[in-house]
């Protein structure tokens, strides 16, 4: 599984980086970025995806 961010959808709210700081971070551009695209804890990534208000988190299986 792989985690991605649709940067066109991202508003930089920070929910993903608050939920899973080991996977996501907010960049200097105030958008979320994936720092670990292949995490061992996919449950955390799924929780962040479900919490994202703009559905910008993509989990590829």
Protein backbone atom coordinates (compact mmCIF):
# COMPACT_ATOMS: atom_id res chain seq x y z
CA UNK A 1 0.00 0.00 0.00
CA UNK A 2 1.10 3.53 -0.75
CA UNK A 3 -0.04 6.89 0.61
CA UNK A 4 -0.29 10.05 -1.52
CA UNK A 5 -1.66 13.59 -1.19
CA UNK A 6 -3.65 15.30 -3.93
CA UNK A 7 -2.08 18.74 -3.56
CA UNK A 8 -4.85 20.36 -5.59
CA UNK A 9 -7.40 19.17 -3.00
CA UNK A 10 -5.28 19.85 0.10
CA UNK A 11 -6.09 22.97 2.11
CA UNK A 12 -3.31 22.51 4.67
CA UNK A 13 -5.64 22.11 7.64
CA UNK A 14 -3.10 19.83 9.37
CA UNK A 15 -5.46 17.08 10.52
CA UNK A 16 -3.33 14.43 8.79
CA UNK A 17 -0.06 15.59 10.36
CA UNK A 18 -1.75 15.81 13.78
CA UNK A 19 -3.20 12.31 13.36
CA UNK A 20 -0.11 10.65 11.85
CA UNK A 21 3.02 12.78 12.25
CA UNK A 22 5.17 9.80 11.27
CA UNK A 23 3.50 9.76 7.82
CA UNK A 24 2.46 13.37 7.07
CA UNK A 25 3.95 16.82 7.56
CA UNK A 26 2.99 20.37 6.62
CA UNK A 27 5.47 21.93 4.24
CA UNK A 28 6.69 25.49 3.82
CA UNK A 29 3.93 25.87 1.22
CA UNK A 30 1.34 25.24 3.98
CA UNK A 31 0.20 22.02 2.30
CA UNK A 32 0.45 18.48 3.58
CA UNK A 33 3.17 16.22 2.23
CA UNK A 34 3.81 12.52 2.68
CA UNK A 35 7.14 11.91 4.37
CA UNK A 36 6.65 8.12 4.57
CA UNK A 37 4.69 6.84 1.54
CA UNK A 38 4.92 3.18 2.63
CA UNK A 39 4.13 3.22 6.36
CA UNK A 40 3.92 0.08 8.46
CA UNK A 41 0.85 1.44 10.27
CA UNK A 42 -1.78 1.73 7.54
CA UNK A 43 -4.52 2.07 10.17
CA UNK A 44 -3.18 5.50 11.04
CA UNK A 45 -3.07 6.49 7.36
CA UNK A 46 -6.66 5.29 6.89
CA UNK A 47 -7.78 7.26 9.95
CA UNK A 48 -6.15 10.40 8.53
CA UNK A 49 -7.78 9.79 5.13
CA UNK A 50 -11.20 9.45 6.76
CA UNK A 51 -10.61 12.65 8.77
CA UNK A 52 -9.45 14.75 5.82
CA UNK A 53 -12.18 17.32 5.08
CA UNK A 54 -11.23 17.60 1.40
CA UNK A 55 -10.51 13.89 0.82
CA UNK A 56 -7.01 14.79 -0.37
CA UNK A 57 -5.36 11.65 1.03
CA UNK A 58 -5.13 8.77 -1.41
CA UNK A 59 -4.31 5.23 -0.30
CA UNK A 60 -3.32 2.95 -3.16
CA UNK A 61 -3.53 -0.77 -2.59
